[in-house]
Amino acid sequence: MTDQKAFGILSALAVTFIGGIWLLWWWGAQPSPRPKDMPTDSMWIHAPALPTPSWHRGWWFGCQMGADGRSNMCKLWDGQKGRLEYEGAFVSCPGRTPVAPAELKLRAQEDPIKIWVSSESGIHDVPVALLANGAYLVPRDAEHGCEQLQRELQRRK
């Protein structure tokens, strides 16, 4: 085998290896498929980046009117673990009341990983729902959710 042929084979192997690593990294950053029981306008929240590929790290978050027609129900679905992490009623800040169905449209936050509030269930933190009209929703069981949100928003100014 000539040096030129060996170099060509090694170059092809290197390109294939690097391309494979890049493809895995890209694929790992893609959202997991939206679960069927999540609202159709749910949004994907990326988890903080890791130095190595990690498959579907993040959460699906969506809100809809409750079955009673008077409450805002939101769900948090773990994309990596493939399970429901949180489900509960959400209320507006500062009024702590549900919003009308026409106002219940989520919009992406600039840095969604930083606006979470503690749930009183003690299981974990839950993201704040930022609505298209600029209002915020927090879990009803987060007694100090609106205060936590206000502190975080003040800190960002």
N, C-alpha and C. Protein backbone atom coordinates (compact mmCIF):
# COMPACT_ATOMS: atom_id res chain seq x y z
N MET A 1 0.86 -1.18 0.00
CA MET A 1 0.00 0.00 0.00
C MET A 1 0.90 1.23 0.00
N THR A 2 0.55 2.18 -0.84
CA THR A 2 1.35 3.40 -0.94
C THR A 2 0.98 4.35 0.19
N ASP A 3 1.88 5.27 0.43
CA ASP A 3 1.63 6.28 1.47
C ASP A 3 0.41 7.13 1.14
N GLN A 4 0.25 7.41 -0.14
CA GLN A 4 -0.88 8.23 -0.55
C GLN A 4 -2.21 7.51 -0.31
N LYS A 5 -2.25 6.24 -0.58
CA LYS A 5 -3.46 5.45 -0.37
C LYS A 5 -3.76 5.31 1.13
N ALA A 6 -2.73 5.08 1.95
CA ALA A 6 -2.89 4.98 3.40
C ALA A 6 -3.40 6.30 3.98
N PHE A 7 -2.84 7.41 3.47
CA PHE A 7 -3.29 8.73 3.92
C PHE A 7 -4.76 8.95 3.57
N GLY A 8 -5.15 8.54 2.39
CA GLY A 8 -6.55 8.68 1.96
C GLY A 8 -7.49 7.87 2.83
N ILE A 9 -7.10 6.64 3.17
CA ILE A 9 -7.94 5.80 4.04
C ILE A 9 -8.03 6.39 5.44
N LEU A 10 -6.91 6.83 5.99
CA LEU A 10 -6.92 7.44 7.33
C LEU A 10 -7.74 8.73 7.34
N SER A 11 -7.63 9.51 6.29
CA SER A 11 -8.41 10.75 6.19
C SER A 11 -9.91 10.44 6.16
N ALA A 12 -10.30 9.46 5.38
CA ALA A 12 -11.71 9.07 5.30
C ALA A 12 -12.21 8.58 6.65
N LEU A 13 -11.41 7.80 7.35
CA LEU A 13 -11.80 7.31 8.68
C LEU A 13 -11.95 8.47 9.67
N ALA A 14 -11.03 9.42 9.61
CA ALA A 14 -11.09 10.57 10.51
C ALA A 14 -12.33 11.41 10.25
N VAL A 15 -12.63 11.65 8.97
CA VAL A 15 -13.82 12.43 8.62
C VAL A 15 -15.07 11.69 9.05
N THR A 16 -15.13 10.40 8.85
CA THR A 16 -16.29 9.59 9.26
C THR A 16 -16.45 9.64 10.78
N PHE A 17 -15.35 9.50 11.51
CA PHE A 17 -15.41 9.53 12.97
C PHE A 17 -15.89 10.88 13.48
N ILE A 18 -15.29 11.94 12.96
CA ILE A 18 -15.67 13.29 13.39
C ILE A 18 -17.12 13.58 13.01
N GLY A 19 -17.52 13.18 11.80
CA GLY A 19 -18.90 13.37 11.37
C GLY A 19 -19.87 12.60 12.25
N GLY A 20 -19.51 11.39 12.64
CA GLY A 20 -20.35 10.59 13.54
C GLY A 20 -20.51 11.24 14.90
N ILE A 21 -19.41 11.77 15.45
CA ILE A 21 -19.48 12.47 16.74
C ILE A 21 -20.39 13.69 16.62
N TRP A 22 -20.21 14.47 15.56
CA TRP A 22 -21.04 15.65 15.37
C TRP A 22 -22.51 15.26 15.25
N LEU A 23 -22.81 14.20 14.49
CA LEU A 23 -24.18 13.75 14.31
C LEU A 23 -24.80 13.33 15.65
N LEU A 24 -24.05 12.62 16.47
CA LEU A 24 -24.55 12.23 17.80
C LEU A 24 -24.82 13.46 18.66
N TRP A 25 -23.93 14.42 18.62
CA TRP A 25 -24.09 15.66 19.41
C TRP A 25 -25.34 16.41 18.95
N TRP A 26 -25.50 16.54 17.64
CA TRP A 26 -26.67 17.22 17.09
C TRP A 26 -27.95 16.49 17.48
N TRP A 27 -27.98 15.18 17.29
CA TRP A 27 -29.18 14.40 17.58
C TRP A 27 -29.53 14.49 19.07
N GLY A 28 -28.53 14.47 19.93
CA GLY A 28 -28.78 14.55 21.37
C GLY A 28 -29.40 15.86 21.80
N ALA A 29 -29.19 16.91 21.02
CA ALA A 29 -29.74 18.21 21.38
C ALA A 29 -31.17 18.40 20.89
N GLN A 30 -31.70 17.47 20.12
CA GLN A 30 -33.06 17.59 19.59
C GLN A 30 -34.08 17.24 20.67
N PRO A 31 -35.21 17.92 20.67
CA PRO A 31 -36.25 17.58 21.65
C PRO A 31 -36.77 16.16 21.43
N SER A 32 -37.18 15.55 22.52
CA SER A 32 -37.85 14.26 22.38
C SER A 32 -39.22 14.53 21.75
N PRO A 33 -39.85 13.53 21.15
CA PRO A 33 -41.18 13.76 20.57
C PRO A 33 -42.18 14.22 21.65
N ARG A 34 -43.04 15.16 21.30
CA ARG A 34 -44.03 15.65 22.26
C ARG A 34 -44.99 14.51 22.60
N PRO A 35 -45.15 14.24 23.91
CA PRO A 35 -46.09 13.18 24.32
C PRO A 35 -47.51 13.51 23.85
N LYS A 36 -48.27 12.49 23.53
CA LYS A 36 -49.62 12.65 22.99
C LYS A 36 -50.57 13.36 23.96
N ASP A 37 -50.35 13.19 25.27
CA ASP A 37 -51.27 13.80 26.23
C ASP A 37 -50.87 15.22 26.64
N MET A 38 -49.85 15.79 25.98
CA MET A 38 -49.46 17.17 26.24
C MET A 38 -50.24 18.08 25.29
N PRO A 39 -50.58 19.30 25.72
CA PRO A 39 -51.27 20.24 24.82
C PRO A 39 -50.46 20.43 23.52
N THR A 40 -51.15 20.66 22.43
CA THR A 40 -50.47 20.78 21.13
C THR A 40 -49.55 21.99 21.05
N ASP A 41 -49.81 23.02 21.84
CA ASP A 41 -48.93 24.19 21.81
C ASP A 41 -47.89 24.17 22.92
N SER A 42 -47.59 22.99 23.45
CA SER A 42 -46.55 22.85 24.48
C SER A 42 -45.21 23.30 23.91
N MET A 43 -44.33 23.75 24.79
CA MET A 43 -43.02 24.18 24.32
C MET A 43 -41.93 23.34 24.95
N TRP A 44 -40.82 23.21 24.26
CA TRP A 44 -39.67 22.45 24.72
C TRP A 44 -38.74 23.37 25.48
N ILE A 45 -38.32 22.97 26.67
CA ILE A 45 -37.36 23.73 27.48
C ILE A 45 -36.08 22.91 27.52
N HIS A 46 -35.01 23.43 26.92
CA HIS A 46 -33.74 22.72 26.93
C HIS A 46 -33.13 22.73 28.33
N ALA A 47 -32.54 21.61 28.71
CA ALA A 47 -31.80 21.53 29.96
C ALA A 47 -30.44 22.20 29.75
N PRO A 48 -29.76 22.56 30.85
CA PRO A 48 -28.42 23.15 30.67
C PRO A 48 -27.50 22.20 29.90
N ALA A 49 -26.62 22.79 29.12
CA ALA A 49 -25.72 21.99 28.27
C ALA A 49 -24.72 21.20 29.12
N LEU A 50 -24.37 20.03 28.62
CA LEU A 50 -23.34 19.19 29.21
C LEU A 50 -22.19 19.08 28.22
N PRO A 51 -20.99 18.77 28.70
CA PRO A 51 -19.86 18.65 27.77
C PRO A 51 -19.92 17.40 26.89
N THR A 52 -20.78 16.47 27.20
CA THR A 52 -20.91 15.26 26.41
C THR A 52 -22.33 15.16 25.86
N PRO A 53 -22.53 14.40 24.79
CA PRO A 53 -23.89 14.26 24.26
C PRO A 53 -24.83 13.66 25.30
N SER A 54 -25.99 14.19 25.37
CA SER A 54 -27.00 13.66 26.30
C SER A 54 -28.33 13.69 25.57
N TRP A 55 -28.97 12.56 25.51
CA TRP A 55 -30.13 12.42 24.65
C TRP A 55 -31.37 13.10 25.23
N HIS A 56 -31.91 13.99 24.48
CA HIS A 56 -33.20 14.62 24.77
C HIS A 56 -33.27 15.20 26.18
N ARG A 57 -32.24 15.92 26.61
CA ARG A 57 -32.26 16.53 27.93
C ARG A 57 -33.12 17.78 27.88
N GLY A 58 -34.21 17.75 28.59
CA GLY A 58 -35.10 18.90 28.66
C GLY A 58 -36.49 18.44 29.02
N TRP A 59 -37.42 19.38 28.92
CA TRP A 59 -38.79 19.12 29.35
C TRP A 59 -39.78 19.67 28.34
N TRP A 60 -40.91 19.01 28.22
CA TRP A 60 -42.07 19.56 27.52
C TRP A 60 -42.92 20.23 28.59
N PHE A 61 -43.35 21.46 28.30
CA PHE A 61 -44.18 22.21 29.25
C PHE A 61 -45.37 22.76 28.49
N GLY A 62 -46.56 22.50 29.02
CA GLY A 62 -47.76 22.99 28.35
C GLY A 62 -48.89 23.25 29.32
N CYS A 63 -49.76 24.16 28.95
CA CYS A 63 -50.90 24.53 29.79
C CYS A 63 -52.18 24.49 28.96
N GLN A 64 -53.28 24.19 29.64
CA GLN A 64 -54.59 24.19 29.01
C GLN A 64 -55.64 24.43 30.09
N MET A 65 -56.86 24.69 29.64
CA MET A 65 -57.95 24.86 30.60
C MET A 65 -58.25 23.50 31.24
N GLY A 66 -58.58 23.52 32.52
CA GLY A 66 -58.95 22.30 33.22
C GLY A 66 -60.32 21.82 32.78
N ALA A 67 -60.62 20.61 33.16
CA ALA A 67 -61.91 20.00 32.79
C ALA A 67 -63.09 20.82 33.32
N ASP A 68 -62.88 21.54 34.43
CA ASP A 68 -63.96 22.34 35.00
C ASP A 68 -64.20 23.64 34.24
N GLY A 69 -63.27 23.98 33.31
CA GLY A 69 -63.40 25.20 32.52
C GLY A 69 -63.06 26.46 33.28
N ARG A 70 -62.59 26.35 34.52
CA ARG A 70 -62.28 27.52 35.34
C ARG A 70 -60.86 27.51 35.89
N SER A 71 -60.06 26.50 35.58
CA SER A 71 -58.71 26.44 36.11
C SER A 71 -57.71 26.26 34.98
N ASN A 72 -56.49 26.73 35.21
CA ASN A 72 -55.40 26.56 34.25
C ASN A 72 -54.54 25.41 34.73
N MET A 73 -54.52 24.33 33.96
CA MET A 73 -53.74 23.14 34.32
C MET A 73 -52.49 23.08 33.45
N CYS A 74 -51.32 22.91 34.08
CA CYS A 74 -50.06 22.83 33.35
C CYS A 74 -49.36 21.53 33.69
N LYS A 75 -48.61 21.03 32.71
CA LYS A 75 -47.87 19.78 32.87
C LYS A 75 -46.42 20.00 32.50
N LEU A 76 -45.55 19.26 33.19
CA LEU A 76 -44.12 19.25 32.91
C LEU A 76 -43.73 17.80 32.66
N TRP A 77 -43.25 17.51 31.45
CA TRP A 77 -42.91 16.16 31.03
C TRP A 77 -41.40 16.08 30.81
N ASP A 78 -40.72 15.16 31.50
CA ASP A 78 -39.28 14.98 31.35
C ASP A 78 -38.99 14.23 30.05
N GLY A 79 -38.32 14.90 29.12
CA GLY A 79 -38.05 14.31 27.82
C GLY A 79 -37.04 13.18 27.86
N GLN A 80 -36.11 13.25 28.80
CA GLN A 80 -35.08 12.21 28.88
C GLN A 80 -35.61 10.95 29.58
N LYS A 81 -36.34 11.16 30.66
CA LYS A 81 -36.86 10.02 31.43
C LYS A 81 -38.17 9.49 30.85
N GLY A 82 -38.84 10.32 30.02
CA GLY A 82 -40.08 9.90 29.40
C GLY A 82 -41.22 9.72 30.37
N ARG A 83 -41.33 10.66 31.32
CA ARG A 83 -42.41 10.56 32.30
C ARG A 83 -42.88 11.95 32.73
N LEU A 84 -44.11 11.98 33.23
CA LEU A 84 -44.69 13.21 33.75
C LEU A 84 -44.01 13.56 35.07
N GLU A 85 -43.46 14.78 35.15
CA GLU A 85 -42.77 15.21 36.37
C GLU A 85 -43.69 16.01 37.30
N TYR A 86 -44.58 16.78 36.69
CA TYR A 86 -45.44 17.64 37.51
C TYR A 86 -46.71 17.92 36.73
N GLU A 87 -47.81 17.98 37.44
CA GLU A 87 -49.08 18.39 36.85
C GLU A 87 -49.86 19.08 37.95
N GLY A 88 -50.38 20.26 37.64
CA GLY A 88 -51.15 20.96 38.65
C GLY A 88 -51.78 22.24 38.13
N ALA A 89 -52.58 22.86 38.98
CA ALA A 89 -53.25 24.11 38.65
C ALA A 89 -52.25 25.26 38.78
N PHE A 90 -52.33 26.19 37.84
CA PHE A 90 -51.48 27.38 37.85
C PHE A 90 -52.36 28.61 37.97
N VAL A 91 -51.84 29.66 38.61
CA VAL A 91 -52.57 30.91 38.80
C VAL A 91 -51.70 32.08 38.35
N SER A 92 -52.33 33.20 38.05
CA SER A 92 -51.59 34.37 37.57
C SER A 92 -50.90 35.10 38.72
N CYS A 93 -49.88 35.84 38.35
CA CYS A 93 -49.20 36.73 39.30
C CYS A 93 -49.51 38.15 38.86
N PRO A 94 -49.88 39.03 39.75
CA PRO A 94 -49.97 38.85 41.19
C PRO A 94 -51.36 38.44 41.68
N GLY A 95 -52.35 38.34 40.84
CA GLY A 95 -53.72 38.12 41.29
C GLY A 95 -54.02 36.75 41.85
N ARG A 96 -53.20 35.75 41.53
CA ARG A 96 -53.38 34.36 41.98
C ARG A 96 -54.75 33.81 41.57
N THR A 97 -55.16 34.18 40.33
CA THR A 97 -56.41 33.68 39.76
C THR A 97 -56.09 33.03 38.41
N PRO A 98 -56.96 32.16 37.92
CA PRO A 98 -56.76 31.59 36.58
C PRO A 98 -56.96 32.66 35.51
N VAL A 99 -56.42 32.43 34.32
CA VAL A 99 -56.63 33.35 33.21
C VAL A 99 -57.66 32.74 32.25
N ALA A 100 -58.25 33.57 31.44
CA ALA A 100 -59.27 33.13 30.47
C ALA A 100 -58.63 32.24 29.40
N PRO A 101 -59.40 31.35 28.80
CA PRO A 101 -58.86 30.46 27.77
C PRO A 101 -58.15 31.20 26.63
N ALA A 102 -58.68 32.35 26.22
CA ALA A 102 -58.08 33.10 25.12
C ALA A 102 -56.69 33.64 25.48
N GLU A 103 -56.42 33.81 26.77
CA GLU A 103 -55.13 34.35 27.22
C GLU A 103 -54.11 33.25 27.50
N LEU A 104 -54.51 32.01 27.46
CA LEU A 104 -53.65 30.89 27.86
C LEU A 104 -52.78 30.42 26.68
N LYS A 105 -51.92 31.31 26.22
CA LYS A 105 -50.99 31.03 25.12
C LYS A 105 -49.57 31.23 25.63
N LEU A 106 -48.79 30.15 25.66
CA LEU A 106 -47.42 30.23 26.15
C LEU A 106 -46.51 30.90 25.13
N ARG A 107 -45.48 31.55 25.65
CA ARG A 107 -44.42 32.06 24.77
C ARG A 107 -43.09 31.69 25.41
N ALA A 108 -42.09 31.52 24.60
CA ALA A 108 -40.76 31.12 25.09
C ALA A 108 -40.13 32.25 25.89
N GLN A 109 -39.39 31.87 26.92
CA GLN A 109 -38.65 32.83 27.72
C GLN A 109 -37.25 32.98 27.14
N GLU A 110 -36.62 34.12 27.41
CA GLU A 110 -35.26 34.33 26.91
C GLU A 110 -34.32 33.29 27.51
N ASP A 111 -34.47 33.02 28.78
CA ASP A 111 -33.61 32.06 29.48
C ASP A 111 -34.50 31.22 30.38
N PRO A 112 -35.25 30.27 29.81
CA PRO A 112 -36.26 29.55 30.58
C PRO A 112 -35.72 28.73 31.74
N ILE A 113 -34.47 28.33 31.69
CA ILE A 113 -33.95 27.47 32.74
C ILE A 113 -33.81 28.24 34.06
N LYS A 114 -33.82 29.57 34.00
CA LYS A 114 -33.62 30.35 35.22
C LYS A 114 -34.90 30.83 35.89
N ILE A 115 -36.06 30.67 35.26
CA ILE A 115 -37.30 31.14 35.89
C ILE A 115 -38.15 29.94 36.27
N TRP A 116 -37.81 29.38 37.40
CA TRP A 116 -38.53 28.26 37.99
C TRP A 116 -38.87 28.65 39.42
N VAL A 117 -39.95 28.11 39.96
CA VAL A 117 -40.33 28.38 41.35
C VAL A 117 -40.49 27.04 42.07
N SER A 118 -40.37 27.11 43.38
CA SER A 118 -40.47 25.89 44.19
C SER A 118 -41.92 25.51 44.39
N SER A 119 -42.21 24.25 44.13
CA SER A 119 -43.54 23.71 44.37
C SER A 119 -43.63 23.32 45.84
N GLU A 120 -44.77 23.58 46.46
CA GLU A 120 -44.93 23.23 47.88
C GLU A 120 -44.97 21.73 48.11
N SER A 121 -45.18 20.96 47.03
CA SER A 121 -45.16 19.51 47.19
C SER A 121 -43.76 19.04 47.56
N GLY A 122 -42.76 19.92 47.33
CA GLY A 122 -41.40 19.60 47.72
C GLY A 122 -40.70 18.65 46.77
N ILE A 123 -41.36 18.24 45.71
CA ILE A 123 -40.76 17.29 44.79
C ILE A 123 -39.63 17.96 44.01
N HIS A 124 -39.88 19.09 43.41
CA HIS A 124 -38.88 19.80 42.62
C HIS A 124 -39.42 21.17 42.24
N ASP A 125 -38.59 21.92 41.54
CA ASP A 125 -39.02 23.21 41.03
C ASP A 125 -39.83 23.01 39.75
N VAL A 126 -40.66 24.01 39.45
CA VAL A 126 -41.55 23.96 38.29
C VAL A 126 -41.35 25.25 37.51
N PRO A 127 -41.35 25.19 36.17
CA PRO A 127 -41.16 26.43 35.41
C PRO A 127 -42.35 27.37 35.53
N VAL A 128 -42.04 28.65 35.45
CA VAL A 128 -43.07 29.68 35.40
C VAL A 128 -43.61 29.71 33.97
N ALA A 129 -44.91 29.82 33.81
CA ALA A 129 -45.51 29.91 32.47
C ALA A 129 -45.58 31.38 32.08
N LEU A 130 -44.82 31.75 31.06
CA LEU A 130 -44.86 33.10 30.52
C LEU A 130 -45.88 33.10 29.37
N LEU A 131 -46.87 33.96 29.47
CA LEU A 131 -47.93 34.01 28.46
C LEU A 131 -47.61 35.04 27.38
N ALA A 132 -48.21 34.86 26.22
CA ALA A 132 -47.98 35.76 25.09
C ALA A 132 -48.34 37.21 25.43
N ASN A 133 -49.31 37.42 26.34
CA ASN A 133 -49.71 38.78 26.72
C ASN A 133 -48.80 39.41 27.77
N GLY A 134 -47.72 38.68 28.17
CA GLY A 134 -46.77 39.22 29.15
C GLY A 134 -47.05 38.81 30.58
N ALA A 135 -48.20 38.19 30.84
CA ALA A 135 -48.52 37.74 32.20
C ALA A 135 -47.75 36.46 32.53
N TYR A 136 -47.70 36.15 33.82
CA TYR A 136 -47.02 34.95 34.30
C TYR A 136 -48.00 34.09 35.07
N LEU A 137 -47.80 32.77 34.98
CA LEU A 137 -48.54 31.82 35.80
C LEU A 137 -47.56 31.03 36.64
N VAL A 138 -47.92 30.80 37.90
CA VAL A 138 -47.11 29.97 38.80
C VAL A 138 -48.01 28.87 39.37
N PRO A 139 -47.41 27.79 39.85
CA PRO A 139 -48.24 26.73 40.43
C PRO A 139 -49.06 27.26 41.61
N ARG A 140 -50.32 26.86 41.68
CA ARG A 140 -51.18 27.30 42.79
C ARG A 140 -50.62 26.80 44.12
N ASP A 141 -49.98 25.61 44.11
CA ASP A 141 -49.44 25.09 45.37
C ASP A 141 -48.09 25.68 45.75
N ALA A 142 -47.57 26.62 44.94
CA ALA A 142 -46.33 27.33 45.28
C ALA A 142 -46.73 28.60 46.02
N GLU A 143 -46.83 28.48 47.32
CA GLU A 143 -47.34 29.58 48.15
C GLU A 143 -46.60 30.89 47.93
N HIS A 144 -45.29 30.80 47.73
CA HIS A 144 -44.48 32.00 47.54
C HIS A 144 -43.99 32.13 46.10
N GLY A 145 -44.68 31.50 45.16
CA GLY A 145 -44.26 31.50 43.76
C GLY A 145 -44.19 32.88 43.15
N CYS A 146 -45.20 33.72 43.41
CA CYS A 146 -45.19 35.07 42.84
C CYS A 146 -44.04 35.90 43.42
N GLU A 147 -43.77 35.72 44.71
CA GLU A 147 -42.66 36.45 45.34
C GLU A 147 -41.32 35.98 44.77
N GLN A 148 -41.16 34.67 44.59
CA GLN A 148 -39.93 34.14 43.99
C GLN A 148 -39.74 34.72 42.59
N LEU A 149 -40.82 34.75 41.83
CA LEU A 149 -40.77 35.27 40.47
C LEU A 149 -40.37 36.74 40.48
N GLN A 150 -40.97 37.54 41.34
CA GLN A 150 -40.66 38.97 41.41
C GLN A 150 -39.19 39.19 41.77
N ARG A 151 -38.66 38.41 42.72
CA ARG A 151 -37.23 38.53 43.09
C ARG A 151 -36.34 38.22 41.90
N GLU A 152 -36.66 37.16 41.16
CA GLU A 152 -35.85 36.78 40.00
C GLU A 152 -35.91 37.85 38.91
N LEU A 153 -37.09 38.40 38.67
CA LEU A 153 -37.22 39.44 37.64
C LEU A 153 -36.47 40.71 38.05
N GLN A 154 -36.51 41.06 39.35
CA GLN A 154 -35.76 42.23 39.84
C GLN A 154 -34.26 42.00 39.70
N ARG A 155 -33.82 40.79 39.99
CA ARG A 155 -32.39 40.46 39.91
C ARG A 155 -31.87 40.62 38.48
N ARG A 156 -32.72 40.37 37.51
CA ARG A 156 -32.32 40.44 36.10
C ARG A 156 -32.24 41.85 35.56
N LYS A 157 -32.84 42.80 36.26
CA LYS A 157 -32.85 44.19 35.77
C LYS A 157 -31.51 44.83 35.94
